[in-house]
Amino acid sequence: MATQFHFEHVFRAPSIDAVFAAYFDPAHLVLQDQRLEIAERTVIEQVDDHATLRRTCRIVPRRQLPALVRPFVDGPLHYLETATWRRADREIDIQIWPSLLRKKARPTVTALYRLSHLPGGGIHRSYQGSVSVDLALLSSRIEAKIVAEFERSMPVVAACTQTFLDRTDSYVSAHA
């Protein structure tokens, strides 16, 4: 059974498209990765067909794994993340596959990133999804650890995004 999560934030931004564009901006990713202690991010694929923008990255964090999961990992922790911005729907579908465990039991994170206008001018972000691990006896503990990592990192990401938006307040790119 999957563990659910839901995070919300309100941004000051000139438009919804500016926030979506920031999500895919390489300069924003560098700033975000520094604050999240990401050792390495490699863009494996980026495809833009104007209706969607899809980016797949291999991400290596600096943080050590919890002792609970270290025996299940071969090599350094990394994860693959695919984010697909469906422009017309104003949503980003996100899939994350940590390198933890064996392929059959590998955790899967699925999420939906949505933006909407608030009365008064703010941009509301909703980031919700689930974490699923297929490993008898340990799945709920591992899922909870992954959600706890989201709880730690989401305020950092939101602050980083706001800093980026404040620096580039008229910014829109990535075919917003």
Protein backbone atom coordinates (compact mmCIF):
# COMPACT_ATOMS: atom_id res chain seq x y z
CA MET A 1 0.00 0.00 0.00
CA ALA A 2 1.38 3.42 -0.96
CA THR A 3 2.09 6.33 1.39
CA GLN A 4 0.45 9.60 0.31
CA PHE A 5 1.89 13.12 0.59
CA HIS A 6 0.64 16.62 -0.20
CA PHE A 7 2.53 19.91 0.06
CA GLU A 8 1.27 23.40 -0.71
CA HIS A 9 2.96 26.76 -1.11
CA VAL A 10 2.09 30.24 -2.37
CA PHE A 11 4.57 32.04 -4.64
CA ARG A 12 4.89 35.69 -5.57
CA ALA A 13 5.36 35.56 -9.33
CA PRO A 14 4.32 37.53 -12.41
CA SER A 15 2.45 34.51 -13.82
CA ILE A 16 1.84 30.80 -13.53
CA ASP A 17 3.97 30.31 -16.63
CA ALA A 18 6.91 32.01 -14.90
CA VAL A 19 6.77 29.44 -12.09
CA PHE A 20 6.51 26.53 -14.53
CA ALA A 21 9.41 27.92 -16.58
CA ALA A 22 11.54 28.29 -13.44
CA TYR A 23 10.99 24.61 -12.69
CA PHE A 24 12.85 23.71 -15.89
CA ASP A 25 15.42 26.54 -15.85
CA PRO A 26 19.04 25.27 -15.59
CA ALA A 27 20.11 28.24 -13.42
CA HIS A 28 17.27 27.52 -11.00
CA LEU A 29 18.30 23.84 -10.84
CA VAL A 30 21.87 24.81 -9.96
CA LEU A 31 20.65 27.04 -7.12
CA GLN A 32 18.23 24.38 -5.92
CA ASP A 33 20.83 21.61 -6.07
CA GLN A 34 23.28 23.68 -4.00
CA ARG A 35 20.67 24.23 -1.28
CA LEU A 36 19.52 20.60 -1.29
CA GLU A 37 23.08 19.26 -1.20
CA ILE A 38 22.83 17.50 -4.55
CA ALA A 39 26.30 16.35 -5.58
CA GLU A 40 25.48 15.72 -9.22
CA ARG A 41 22.59 16.19 -11.64
CA THR A 42 22.87 14.86 -15.18
CA VAL A 43 20.16 15.60 -17.71
CA ILE A 44 19.72 12.32 -19.56
CA GLU A 45 16.98 13.53 -21.87
CA GLN A 46 15.02 16.69 -22.54
CA VAL A 47 12.32 16.75 -25.20
CA ASP A 48 10.11 19.73 -25.99
CA ASP A 49 7.32 19.24 -28.51
CA HIS A 50 5.58 22.53 -27.53
CA ALA A 51 2.61 20.66 -26.01
CA THR A 52 4.87 19.01 -23.41
CA LEU A 53 8.34 19.48 -22.04
CA ARG A 54 9.84 16.27 -20.60
CA ARG A 55 13.14 16.13 -18.74
CA THR A 56 14.78 13.05 -17.25
CA CYS A 57 17.68 13.51 -14.83
CA ARG A 58 19.99 11.25 -12.85
CA ILE A 59 20.47 12.86 -9.45
CA VAL A 60 23.09 11.99 -6.82
CA PRO A 61 22.54 13.47 -3.34
CA ARG A 62 25.39 14.17 -0.89
CA ARG A 63 23.30 12.94 2.05
CA GLN A 64 23.93 9.48 3.47
CA LEU A 65 21.23 6.84 3.49
CA PRO A 66 19.46 5.94 6.72
CA ALA A 67 20.98 2.85 8.34
CA LEU A 68 17.70 0.99 7.73
CA VAL A 69 18.21 0.90 3.95
CA ARG A 70 22.01 0.79 3.51
CA PRO A 71 22.10 -3.02 3.29
CA PHE A 72 19.72 -2.90 0.31
CA VAL A 73 21.76 -0.55 -1.89
CA ASP A 74 24.43 -1.46 -4.38
CA GLY A 75 26.73 1.51 -4.91
CA PRO A 76 26.04 5.18 -4.21
CA LEU A 77 22.48 6.40 -3.82
CA HIS A 78 21.04 8.11 -6.87
CA TYR A 79 17.65 8.46 -8.41
CA LEU A 80 16.08 9.00 -11.79
CA GLU A 81 13.48 11.74 -12.08
CA THR A 82 11.23 12.36 -15.06
CA ALA A 83 9.18 15.55 -15.07
CA THR A 84 6.65 16.15 -17.86
CA TRP A 85 5.07 19.59 -18.11
CA ARG A 86 1.72 19.32 -19.89
CA ARG A 87 1.38 22.97 -20.80
CA ALA A 88 -2.32 23.00 -21.72
CA ASP A 89 -3.23 21.27 -18.45
CA ARG A 90 -0.88 23.47 -16.41
CA GLU A 91 0.51 20.42 -14.64
CA ILE A 92 3.80 18.59 -14.27
CA ASP A 93 3.69 14.81 -13.88
CA ILE A 94 6.69 13.56 -11.92
CA GLN A 95 8.06 10.04 -11.54
CA ILE A 96 11.05 9.30 -9.31
CA TRP A 97 12.85 5.98 -9.01
CA PRO A 98 15.47 5.81 -6.22
CA SER A 99 18.28 3.31 -6.70
CA LEU A 100 17.32 1.64 -3.43
CA LEU A 101 16.59 -2.05 -3.34
CA ARG A 102 16.32 -4.50 -6.19
CA LYS A 103 14.29 -3.81 -9.31
CA LYS A 104 11.21 -5.73 -8.14
CA ALA A 105 11.03 -3.85 -4.82
CA ARG A 106 12.41 -0.51 -6.02
CA PRO A 107 10.55 2.48 -4.59
CA THR A 108 8.42 4.51 -6.96
CA VAL A 109 7.37 8.08 -6.32
CA THR A 110 4.63 9.58 -8.46
CA ALA A 111 3.51 13.16 -8.05
CA LEU A 112 1.49 15.91 -9.66
CA TYR A 113 2.67 19.54 -9.54
CA ARG A 114 -0.20 21.99 -10.13
CA LEU A 115 -0.36 25.77 -10.12
CA SER A 116 -3.35 28.07 -9.86
CA HIS A 117 -4.05 31.78 -9.36
CA LEU A 118 -5.22 32.98 -5.97
CA PRO A 119 -7.40 36.03 -5.43
CA GLY A 120 -4.97 38.80 -4.59
CA GLY A 121 -2.30 37.69 -7.02
CA GLY A 122 -0.47 34.77 -5.46
CA ILE A 123 0.34 31.57 -7.32
CA HIS A 124 -0.72 28.46 -5.38
CA ARG A 125 1.39 25.34 -5.81
CA SER A 126 0.03 21.91 -4.94
CA TYR A 127 2.50 19.02 -4.99
CA GLN A 128 0.86 15.72 -4.17
CA GLY A 129 1.54 12.11 -4.81
CA SER A 130 2.49 8.78 -3.35
CA VAL A 131 5.49 6.63 -2.50
CA SER A 132 5.26 2.90 -3.08
CA VAL A 133 7.75 0.20 -2.05
CA ASP A 134 7.08 -3.50 -2.62
CA LEU A 135 9.12 -5.06 0.18
CA ALA A 136 7.51 -7.20 2.86
CA LEU A 137 7.79 -5.89 6.42
CA LEU A 138 9.87 -2.80 5.57
CA SER A 139 7.81 -1.06 2.88
CA SER A 140 5.88 1.29 5.18
CA ARG A 141 9.05 2.32 7.06
CA ILE A 142 10.96 3.03 3.84
CA GLU A 143 7.99 4.92 2.37
CA ALA A 144 7.79 7.01 5.56
CA LYS A 145 11.53 7.83 5.33
CA ILE A 146 11.12 8.96 1.72
CA VAL A 147 8.11 11.15 2.62
CA ALA A 148 10.10 12.58 5.55
CA GLU A 149 12.81 13.57 3.08
CA PHE A 150 10.17 15.38 1.00
CA GLU A 151 8.97 17.13 4.18
CA ARG A 152 12.55 18.31 4.81
CA SER A 153 13.27 19.40 1.26
CA MET A 154 9.99 21.01 0.13
CA PRO A 155 10.39 24.22 2.20
CA VAL A 156 13.97 24.51 0.92
CA VAL A 157 12.80 24.08 -2.69
CA ALA A 158 9.97 26.61 -2.24
CA ALA A 159 12.32 29.21 -0.75
CA CYS A 160 14.84 28.60 -3.53
CA THR A 161 12.15 28.97 -6.19
CA GLN A 162 10.90 32.20 -4.61
CA THR A 163 14.46 33.59 -4.51
CA PHE A 164 14.87 32.69 -8.18
CA LEU A 165 11.53 34.26 -9.12
CA ASP A 166 12.38 37.43 -7.18
CA ARG A 167 15.65 37.76 -9.10
CA THR A 168 13.92 37.20 -12.43
CA ASP A 169 10.51 38.78 -11.80
CA SER A 170 9.72 39.32 -15.46
CA TYR A 171 11.19 35.98 -16.46
CA VAL A 172 9.38 33.53 -18.70
CA SER A 173 11.14 30.95 -20.85
CA ALA A 174 10.97 27.29 -21.76
CA HIS A 175 8.16 28.18 -24.19
CA ALA A 176 5.84 29.09 -21.34
